[in-house]
Amino acid sequence: DKRLESMADAHARLSRNVRDGVDLAELIRCQLARNATDANTTIGGPNVMLTVAATQALGMVLHELVTNAATFGALSPPHGRVEVNWNRGADGDAANLSIVWREIGGPTVAASPNYKYGVSIIRDLIPNELGGSVELAFAASGVSCKIEIPLGVACAETGRPAARR
């Protein structure tokens, strides 16, 4: 049900902004809202308007990351936190949108976690739908996920800094 609610929310945002796209910061805040607070999350990056395809795919991937963090990871204990940052490529590569999810202060992550359907969505949706890549790591100190999407597929960036949360 929560997956469907997440998809419905992304579609509602798209229906209000189909011509201009959906703001990446707004999509991230929306996905975090059910399980996080301003005290345990930090997000930041330039203003990025996502295409329809990128909004749908990222909405689902972010939902799975948030759900896993709230159930097993950094959003499950009171002292854990999540940081999400984005920019034009990891090394200034202006051809890609780079999004980095990092969990800090959560329970120790199992060396070989039991992968389920949500993990397959995180790993496979971006490459299959947007031609990007995903590096999902289950380090003992916390989960991290790096997403790279070609800018031409994902968004149009305005260059103004986004509000930090």
N, C-alpha and C. Protein backbone atom coordinates (compact mmCIF):
# COMPACT_ATOMS: atom_id res chain seq x y z
N ASP A 1 0.81 -1.20 0.00
CA ASP A 1 0.00 0.00 0.00
C ASP A 1 0.86 1.27 0.00
N LYS A 2 1.94 1.24 0.79
CA LYS A 2 2.80 2.43 0.87
C LYS A 2 3.51 2.69 -0.45
N ARG A 3 3.88 1.64 -1.18
CA ARG A 3 4.48 1.83 -2.50
C ARG A 3 3.49 2.53 -3.42
N LEU A 4 2.25 2.09 -3.38
CA LEU A 4 1.21 2.71 -4.22
C LEU A 4 0.97 4.16 -3.82
N GLU A 5 0.96 4.44 -2.51
CA GLU A 5 0.80 5.81 -2.03
C GLU A 5 1.95 6.69 -2.52
N SER A 6 3.16 6.15 -2.48
CA SER A 6 4.33 6.89 -2.95
C SER A 6 4.21 7.20 -4.43
N MET A 7 3.81 6.22 -5.23
CA MET A 7 3.63 6.44 -6.66
C MET A 7 2.51 7.44 -6.92
N ALA A 8 1.43 7.34 -6.17
CA ALA A 8 0.31 8.27 -6.34
C ALA A 8 0.74 9.69 -6.01
N ASP A 9 1.55 9.85 -4.97
CA ASP A 9 2.03 11.18 -4.60
C ASP A 9 2.90 11.76 -5.71
N ALA A 10 3.79 10.95 -6.28
CA ALA A 10 4.64 11.43 -7.38
C ALA A 10 3.77 11.84 -8.56
N HIS A 11 2.75 11.06 -8.86
CA HIS A 11 1.86 11.41 -9.97
C HIS A 11 1.05 12.67 -9.69
N ALA A 12 0.65 12.86 -8.44
CA ALA A 12 -0.07 14.08 -8.07
C ALA A 12 0.82 15.30 -8.27
N ARG A 13 2.08 15.20 -7.89
CA ARG A 13 3.03 16.31 -8.09
C ARG A 13 3.23 16.56 -9.58
N LEU A 14 3.32 15.50 -10.34
CA LEU A 14 3.47 15.65 -11.79
C LEU A 14 2.24 16.31 -12.42
N SER A 15 1.06 15.95 -11.95
CA SER A 15 -0.15 16.52 -12.55
C SER A 15 -0.25 18.02 -12.30
N ARG A 16 0.34 18.49 -11.20
CA ARG A 16 0.35 19.93 -10.91
C ARG A 16 1.46 20.65 -11.67
N ASN A 17 2.52 19.92 -12.06
CA ASN A 17 3.69 20.54 -12.65
C ASN A 17 4.17 19.84 -13.91
N VAL A 18 3.29 19.24 -14.68
CA VAL A 18 3.72 18.41 -15.80
C VAL A 18 4.58 19.18 -16.81
N ARG A 19 4.30 20.44 -17.02
CA ARG A 19 5.09 21.21 -17.98
C ARG A 19 6.48 21.54 -17.45
N ASP A 20 6.57 21.88 -16.18
CA ASP A 20 7.83 22.30 -15.60
C ASP A 20 8.61 21.17 -14.93
N GLY A 21 7.97 20.05 -14.65
CA GLY A 21 8.62 18.96 -13.93
C GLY A 21 8.42 19.11 -12.43
N VAL A 22 9.06 18.23 -11.69
CA VAL A 22 8.96 18.21 -10.23
C VAL A 22 10.33 18.52 -9.65
N ASP A 23 10.36 19.38 -8.65
CA ASP A 23 11.59 19.77 -7.97
C ASP A 23 12.16 18.59 -7.20
N LEU A 24 13.43 18.26 -7.41
CA LEU A 24 14.07 17.13 -6.74
C LEU A 24 14.02 17.28 -5.22
N ALA A 25 14.32 18.45 -4.70
CA ALA A 25 14.28 18.67 -3.24
C ALA A 25 12.89 18.39 -2.69
N GLU A 26 11.86 18.83 -3.41
CA GLU A 26 10.48 18.60 -2.98
C GLU A 26 10.16 17.11 -2.97
N LEU A 27 10.60 16.39 -4.00
CA LEU A 27 10.37 14.94 -4.06
C LEU A 27 11.06 14.24 -2.90
N ILE A 28 12.29 14.60 -2.61
CA ILE A 28 13.03 13.99 -1.50
C ILE A 28 12.34 14.29 -0.17
N ARG A 29 11.99 15.56 0.06
CA ARG A 29 11.31 15.93 1.31
C ARG A 29 10.00 15.15 1.47
N CYS A 30 9.26 15.04 0.39
CA CYS A 30 7.99 14.32 0.43
C CYS A 30 8.19 12.85 0.80
N GLN A 31 9.19 12.22 0.20
CA GLN A 31 9.42 10.81 0.49
C GLN A 31 9.92 10.61 1.93
N LEU A 32 10.70 11.54 2.43
CA LEU A 32 11.20 11.45 3.81
C LEU A 32 10.13 11.78 4.85
N ALA A 33 9.14 12.56 4.48
CA ALA A 33 8.18 13.13 5.44
C ALA A 33 7.49 12.09 6.32
N ARG A 34 7.21 10.93 5.79
CA ARG A 34 6.47 9.92 6.57
C ARG A 34 7.31 9.30 7.68
N ASN A 35 8.63 9.36 7.54
CA ASN A 35 9.49 8.63 8.47
C ASN A 35 10.63 9.43 9.07
N ALA A 36 10.75 10.69 8.71
CA ALA A 36 11.89 11.48 9.16
C ALA A 36 11.44 12.86 9.61
N THR A 37 12.37 13.58 10.24
CA THR A 37 12.12 14.94 10.70
C THR A 37 13.28 15.82 10.26
N ASP A 38 13.14 17.12 10.46
CA ASP A 38 14.25 18.04 10.17
C ASP A 38 15.46 17.73 11.04
N ALA A 39 15.24 17.14 12.22
CA ALA A 39 16.33 16.86 13.14
C ALA A 39 17.18 15.67 12.70
N ASN A 40 16.61 14.74 11.92
CA ASN A 40 17.40 13.56 11.56
C ASN A 40 17.65 13.42 10.05
N THR A 41 17.46 14.52 9.32
CA THR A 41 17.77 14.50 7.89
C THR A 41 18.43 15.81 7.46
N THR A 42 19.27 15.68 6.46
CA THR A 42 19.86 16.84 5.81
C THR A 42 19.80 16.58 4.32
N ILE A 43 19.27 17.54 3.57
CA ILE A 43 19.27 17.41 2.12
C ILE A 43 19.84 18.68 1.52
N GLY A 44 20.46 18.57 0.35
CA GLY A 44 20.98 19.77 -0.27
C GLY A 44 21.56 19.52 -1.64
N GLY A 45 21.46 20.54 -2.46
CA GLY A 45 21.99 20.51 -3.81
C GLY A 45 21.37 21.63 -4.61
N PRO A 46 21.77 21.78 -5.85
CA PRO A 46 21.20 22.84 -6.69
C PRO A 46 19.75 22.54 -7.05
N ASN A 47 19.01 23.58 -7.42
CA ASN A 47 17.64 23.37 -7.88
C ASN A 47 17.67 22.52 -9.13
N VAL A 48 16.88 21.45 -9.11
CA VAL A 48 16.80 20.53 -10.24
C VAL A 48 15.34 20.21 -10.47
N MET A 49 14.88 20.43 -11.68
CA MET A 49 13.52 20.05 -12.07
C MET A 49 13.61 18.72 -12.81
N LEU A 50 12.92 17.71 -12.28
CA LEU A 50 12.97 16.36 -12.85
C LEU A 50 11.96 16.18 -13.97
N THR A 51 12.32 15.36 -14.93
CA THR A 51 11.38 14.98 -15.98
C THR A 51 10.34 14.03 -15.39
N VAL A 52 9.31 13.74 -16.16
CA VAL A 52 8.27 12.80 -15.73
C VAL A 52 8.88 11.44 -15.41
N ALA A 53 9.68 10.91 -16.33
CA ALA A 53 10.28 9.59 -16.12
C ALA A 53 11.17 9.56 -14.88
N ALA A 54 11.97 10.60 -14.70
CA ALA A 54 12.87 10.66 -13.54
C ALA A 54 12.08 10.79 -12.24
N THR A 55 11.00 11.56 -12.25
CA THR A 55 10.17 11.70 -11.05
C THR A 55 9.59 10.36 -10.64
N GLN A 56 9.07 9.62 -11.59
CA GLN A 56 8.46 8.33 -11.28
C GLN A 56 9.50 7.34 -10.75
N ALA A 57 10.62 7.21 -11.44
CA ALA A 57 11.64 6.25 -11.04
C ALA A 57 12.29 6.64 -9.71
N LEU A 58 12.70 7.92 -9.58
CA LEU A 58 13.33 8.35 -8.33
C LEU A 58 12.36 8.30 -7.16
N GLY A 59 11.10 8.62 -7.40
CA GLY A 59 10.10 8.51 -6.33
C GLY A 59 10.05 7.11 -5.76
N MET A 60 10.06 6.11 -6.62
CA MET A 60 10.02 4.72 -6.16
C MET A 60 11.31 4.33 -5.44
N VAL A 61 12.45 4.72 -6.00
CA VAL A 61 13.74 4.38 -5.39
C VAL A 61 13.87 5.05 -4.03
N LEU A 62 13.53 6.33 -3.96
CA LEU A 62 13.61 7.04 -2.67
C LEU A 62 12.66 6.44 -1.65
N HIS A 63 11.48 6.05 -2.07
CA HIS A 63 10.53 5.40 -1.16
C HIS A 63 11.16 4.15 -0.55
N GLU A 64 11.81 3.34 -1.38
CA GLU A 64 12.43 2.11 -0.87
C GLU A 64 13.59 2.41 0.07
N LEU A 65 14.41 3.42 -0.26
CA LEU A 65 15.51 3.80 0.63
C LEU A 65 14.98 4.27 1.98
N VAL A 66 13.94 5.11 1.96
CA VAL A 66 13.36 5.62 3.21
C VAL A 66 12.74 4.48 4.01
N THR A 67 12.00 3.61 3.35
CA THR A 67 11.36 2.49 4.05
C THR A 67 12.40 1.60 4.71
N ASN A 68 13.48 1.27 3.98
CA ASN A 68 14.53 0.44 4.56
C ASN A 68 15.24 1.15 5.71
N ALA A 69 15.47 2.45 5.57
CA ALA A 69 16.12 3.20 6.66
C ALA A 69 15.24 3.26 7.89
N ALA A 70 13.93 3.40 7.71
CA ALA A 70 13.01 3.49 8.84
C ALA A 70 12.81 2.13 9.51
N THR A 71 12.91 1.06 8.74
CA THR A 71 12.67 -0.27 9.28
C THR A 71 13.94 -0.89 9.86
N PHE A 72 15.05 -0.77 9.16
CA PHE A 72 16.29 -1.45 9.55
C PHE A 72 17.47 -0.53 9.77
N GLY A 73 17.43 0.68 9.25
CA GLY A 73 18.62 1.52 9.20
C GLY A 73 18.61 2.73 10.10
N ALA A 74 19.20 3.81 9.59
CA ALA A 74 19.49 5.00 10.39
C ALA A 74 18.26 5.75 10.88
N LEU A 75 17.11 5.56 10.26
CA LEU A 75 15.90 6.24 10.75
C LEU A 75 15.15 5.40 11.78
N SER A 76 15.66 4.21 12.10
CA SER A 76 14.98 3.37 13.10
C SER A 76 15.35 3.73 14.54
N PRO A 77 16.59 4.12 14.87
CA PRO A 77 16.89 4.56 16.24
C PRO A 77 16.74 6.07 16.35
N PRO A 78 16.62 6.58 17.57
CA PRO A 78 16.45 8.02 17.74
C PRO A 78 17.67 8.86 17.36
N HIS A 79 18.86 8.29 17.37
CA HIS A 79 20.08 9.07 17.11
C HIS A 79 20.59 8.95 15.66
N GLY A 80 19.95 8.16 14.83
CA GLY A 80 20.39 8.00 13.45
C GLY A 80 19.95 9.16 12.57
N ARG A 81 20.60 9.26 11.42
CA ARG A 81 20.24 10.34 10.49
C ARG A 81 20.54 9.94 9.05
N VAL A 82 19.91 10.65 8.14
CA VAL A 82 20.10 10.43 6.71
C VAL A 82 20.51 11.74 6.07
N GLU A 83 21.50 11.67 5.19
CA GLU A 83 21.93 12.83 4.40
C GLU A 83 21.71 12.48 2.93
N VAL A 84 21.08 13.41 2.20
CA VAL A 84 20.90 13.25 0.75
C VAL A 84 21.42 14.51 0.08
N ASN A 85 22.38 14.33 -0.80
CA ASN A 85 22.98 15.46 -1.53
C ASN A 85 23.00 15.12 -3.01
N TRP A 86 22.94 16.16 -3.82
CA TRP A 86 22.99 15.95 -5.26
C TRP A 86 23.73 17.09 -5.93
N ASN A 87 24.26 16.79 -7.13
CA ASN A 87 24.95 17.79 -7.94
C ASN A 87 25.07 17.27 -9.37
N ARG A 88 25.73 18.05 -10.18
CA ARG A 88 25.97 17.65 -11.57
C ARG A 88 27.21 16.78 -11.62
N GLY A 89 27.03 15.52 -11.40
CA GLY A 89 28.13 14.57 -11.48
C GLY A 89 29.01 14.57 -10.26
N ALA A 90 29.56 13.42 -9.97
CA ALA A 90 30.39 13.26 -8.78
C ALA A 90 31.69 14.05 -8.87
N ASP A 91 32.25 14.16 -10.06
CA ASP A 91 33.51 14.87 -10.24
C ASP A 91 33.35 16.07 -11.16
N GLY A 92 32.22 16.76 -11.03
CA GLY A 92 31.97 17.91 -11.88
C GLY A 92 31.55 17.51 -13.29
N ASP A 93 31.18 16.25 -13.48
CA ASP A 93 30.73 15.76 -14.77
C ASP A 93 29.36 16.35 -15.06
N ALA A 94 29.32 17.38 -15.88
CA ALA A 94 28.07 18.10 -16.15
C ALA A 94 27.08 17.27 -16.96
N ALA A 95 27.46 16.07 -17.37
CA ALA A 95 26.56 15.23 -18.16
C ALA A 95 25.62 14.40 -17.29
N ASN A 96 25.89 14.33 -15.98
CA ASN A 96 25.10 13.49 -15.09
C ASN A 96 24.57 14.23 -13.88
N LEU A 97 23.41 13.79 -13.42
CA LEU A 97 22.90 14.18 -12.12
C LEU A 97 23.36 13.09 -11.15
N SER A 98 24.05 13.48 -10.11
CA SER A 98 24.56 12.54 -9.11
C SER A 98 23.82 12.78 -7.79
N ILE A 99 23.21 11.73 -7.25
CA ILE A 99 22.48 11.80 -5.98
C ILE A 99 23.14 10.82 -5.02
N VAL A 100 23.48 11.29 -3.82
CA VAL A 100 24.13 10.43 -2.83
C VAL A 100 23.27 10.38 -1.57
N TRP A 101 22.88 9.18 -1.19
CA TRP A 101 22.12 8.88 0.03
C TRP A 101 23.10 8.26 1.01
N ARG A 102 23.13 8.77 2.25
CA ARG A 102 24.05 8.23 3.25
C ARG A 102 23.36 8.14 4.60
N GLU A 103 23.42 6.96 5.19
CA GLU A 103 22.84 6.74 6.52
C GLU A 103 23.95 6.75 7.56
N ILE A 104 23.69 7.45 8.67
CA ILE A 104 24.69 7.64 9.72
C ILE A 104 24.04 7.35 11.07
N GLY A 105 24.74 6.64 11.92
CA GLY A 105 24.28 6.44 13.30
C GLY A 105 23.17 5.43 13.47
N GLY A 106 22.96 4.59 12.50
CA GLY A 106 21.94 3.55 12.62
C GLY A 106 22.53 2.28 13.19
N PRO A 107 21.73 1.23 13.27
CA PRO A 107 22.24 -0.06 13.74
C PRO A 107 23.32 -0.58 12.79
N THR A 108 24.18 -1.44 13.29
CA THR A 108 25.20 -2.05 12.44
C THR A 108 24.50 -2.84 11.34
N VAL A 109 24.96 -2.62 10.13
CA VAL A 109 24.36 -3.29 8.98
C VAL A 109 24.97 -4.68 8.83
N ALA A 110 24.13 -5.66 8.57
CA ALA A 110 24.59 -7.03 8.38
C ALA A 110 25.54 -7.09 7.19
N ALA A 111 26.59 -7.91 7.32
CA ALA A 111 27.58 -8.05 6.25
C ALA A 111 26.93 -8.60 4.97
N SER A 112 25.94 -9.44 5.12
CA SER A 112 25.26 -10.01 3.97
C SER A 112 23.75 -9.94 4.22
N PRO A 113 23.17 -8.75 4.03
CA PRO A 113 21.74 -8.60 4.34
C PRO A 113 20.87 -9.45 3.43
N ASN A 114 19.68 -9.77 3.91
CA ASN A 114 18.71 -10.54 3.16
C ASN A 114 18.03 -9.61 2.16
N TYR A 115 18.42 -9.71 0.87
CA TYR A 115 17.89 -8.82 -0.14
C TYR A 115 16.45 -9.18 -0.47
N LYS A 116 15.63 -8.17 -0.59
CA LYS A 116 14.21 -8.37 -0.90
C LYS A 116 13.83 -7.53 -2.10
N TYR A 117 12.55 -7.48 -2.39
CA TYR A 117 12.03 -6.80 -3.56
C TYR A 117 12.44 -5.32 -3.60
N GLY A 118 12.40 -4.64 -2.46
CA GLY A 118 12.75 -3.22 -2.42
C GLY A 118 14.17 -2.96 -2.87
N VAL A 119 15.10 -3.83 -2.50
CA VAL A 119 16.50 -3.67 -2.91
C VAL A 119 16.62 -3.84 -4.42
N SER A 120 15.84 -4.75 -4.99
CA SER A 120 15.90 -4.91 -6.46
C SER A 120 15.36 -3.67 -7.16
N ILE A 121 14.36 -3.01 -6.58
CA ILE A 121 13.86 -1.74 -7.15
C ILE A 121 14.97 -0.69 -7.10
N ILE A 122 15.65 -0.58 -5.96
CA ILE A 122 16.72 0.41 -5.82
C ILE A 122 17.82 0.16 -6.85
N ARG A 123 18.23 -1.09 -6.99
CA ARG A 123 19.37 -1.41 -7.87
C ARG A 123 19.01 -1.40 -9.35
N ASP A 124 17.80 -1.78 -9.71
CA ASP A 124 17.48 -2.03 -11.12
C ASP A 124 16.66 -0.95 -11.82
N LEU A 125 15.87 -0.18 -11.09
CA LEU A 125 14.94 0.74 -11.74
C LEU A 125 15.65 1.86 -12.50
N ILE A 126 16.63 2.49 -11.89
CA ILE A 126 17.33 3.61 -12.54
C ILE A 126 18.07 3.15 -13.80
N PRO A 127 18.85 2.06 -13.75
CA PRO A 127 19.51 1.61 -14.99
C PRO A 127 18.51 1.21 -16.08
N ASN A 128 17.45 0.52 -15.70
CA ASN A 128 16.50 0.02 -16.69
C ASN A 128 15.60 1.11 -17.27
N GLU A 129 15.19 2.07 -16.46
CA GLU A 129 14.25 3.11 -16.91
C GLU A 129 14.92 4.37 -17.41
N LEU A 130 16.10 4.72 -16.82
CA LEU A 130 16.71 6.01 -17.13
C LEU A 130 18.12 5.90 -17.72
N GLY A 131 18.63 4.70 -17.85
CA GLY A 131 19.97 4.53 -18.40
C GLY A 131 21.07 5.01 -17.48
N GLY A 132 20.79 5.07 -16.20
CA GLY A 132 21.77 5.52 -15.22
C GLY A 132 22.42 4.36 -14.51
N SER A 133 23.02 4.65 -13.37
CA SER A 133 23.68 3.61 -12.58
C SER A 133 23.37 3.82 -11.09
N VAL A 134 23.47 2.72 -10.35
CA VAL A 134 23.23 2.76 -8.91
C VAL A 134 24.31 1.93 -8.23
N GLU A 135 24.94 2.52 -7.22
CA GLU A 135 25.89 1.80 -6.37
C GLU A 135 25.29 1.78 -4.96
N LEU A 136 24.75 0.64 -4.56
CA LEU A 136 24.14 0.47 -3.25
C LEU A 136 25.10 -0.34 -2.39
N ALA A 137 25.55 0.23 -1.27
CA ALA A 137 26.54 -0.42 -0.41
C ALA A 137 25.97 -0.61 0.99
N PHE A 138 26.17 -1.80 1.53
CA PHE A 138 25.73 -2.14 2.88
C PHE A 138 26.96 -2.24 3.77
N ALA A 139 27.55 -1.09 4.12
CA ALA A 139 28.71 -1.06 5.01
C ALA A 139 28.23 -1.20 6.45
N ALA A 140 29.07 -1.73 7.32
CA ALA A 140 28.70 -1.91 8.72
C ALA A 140 28.28 -0.59 9.36
N SER A 141 28.87 0.52 8.91
CA SER A 141 28.57 1.84 9.49
C SER A 141 27.27 2.44 8.97
N GLY A 142 26.72 1.89 7.89
CA GLY A 142 25.47 2.40 7.36
C GLY A 142 25.35 2.22 5.87
N VAL A 143 24.14 2.25 5.39
CA VAL A 143 23.86 2.09 3.98
C VAL A 143 24.19 3.38 3.24
N SER A 144 24.74 3.22 2.05
CA SER A 144 24.93 4.38 1.17
C SER A 144 24.48 3.97 -0.22
N CYS A 145 24.01 4.96 -0.96
CA CYS A 145 23.53 4.72 -2.31
C CYS A 145 23.90 5.91 -3.18
N LYS A 146 24.61 5.63 -4.27
CA LYS A 146 24.97 6.68 -5.22
C LYS A 146 24.24 6.40 -6.53
N ILE A 147 23.49 7.39 -6.97
CA ILE A 147 22.70 7.28 -8.19
C ILE A 147 23.24 8.28 -9.20
N GLU A 148 23.50 7.82 -10.41
CA GLU A 148 23.95 8.68 -11.51
C GLU A 148 22.93 8.54 -12.64
N ILE A 149 22.43 9.69 -13.13
CA ILE A 149 21.45 9.69 -14.21
C ILE A 149 21.89 10.73 -15.25
N PRO A 150 21.88 10.36 -16.53
CA PRO A 150 22.21 11.36 -17.55
C PRO A 150 21.27 12.57 -17.44
N LEU A 151 21.84 13.77 -17.42
CA LEU A 151 21.03 14.98 -17.26
C LEU A 151 19.95 15.11 -18.33
N GLY A 152 20.26 14.74 -19.54
CA GLY A 152 19.28 14.86 -20.61
C GLY A 152 18.04 14.02 -20.39
N VAL A 153 18.17 12.94 -19.64
CA VAL A 153 17.05 12.05 -19.32
C VAL A 153 16.35 12.50 -18.04
N ALA A 154 17.14 13.02 -17.11
CA ALA A 154 16.64 13.28 -15.76
C ALA A 154 16.04 14.65 -15.54
N CYS A 155 16.69 15.69 -16.06
CA CYS A 155 16.29 17.00 -15.56
C CYS A 155 16.81 18.16 -16.40
N ALA A 156 16.35 19.32 -15.96
CA ALA A 156 16.90 20.60 -16.40
C ALA A 156 17.26 21.33 -15.13
N GLU A 157 18.52 21.70 -14.98
CA GLU A 157 18.98 22.33 -13.74
C GLU A 157 19.00 23.84 -13.89
N THR A 158 18.56 24.54 -12.84
CA THR A 158 18.51 26.00 -12.89
C THR A 158 19.78 26.64 -12.38
N GLY A 159 20.56 25.91 -11.56
CA GLY A 159 21.80 26.47 -11.06
C GLY A 159 21.67 27.23 -9.75
N ARG A 160 20.47 27.51 -9.29
CA ARG A 160 20.30 28.19 -8.01
C ARG A 160 20.40 27.19 -6.88
N PRO A 161 20.99 27.56 -5.73
CA PRO A 161 21.08 26.61 -4.63
C PRO A 161 19.68 26.31 -4.08
N ALA A 162 19.49 25.06 -3.72
CA ALA A 162 18.21 24.67 -3.11
C ALA A 162 18.27 24.99 -1.62
N ALA A 163 17.11 25.16 -1.04
CA ALA A 163 17.03 25.37 0.41
C ALA A 163 17.52 24.12 1.11
N ARG A 164 18.31 24.30 2.14
CA ARG A 164 18.82 23.15 2.90
C ARG A 164 17.83 22.80 3.99
N ARG A 165 17.81 21.53 4.31
CA ARG A 165 16.90 21.05 5.35
C ARG A 165 17.70 20.31 6.37
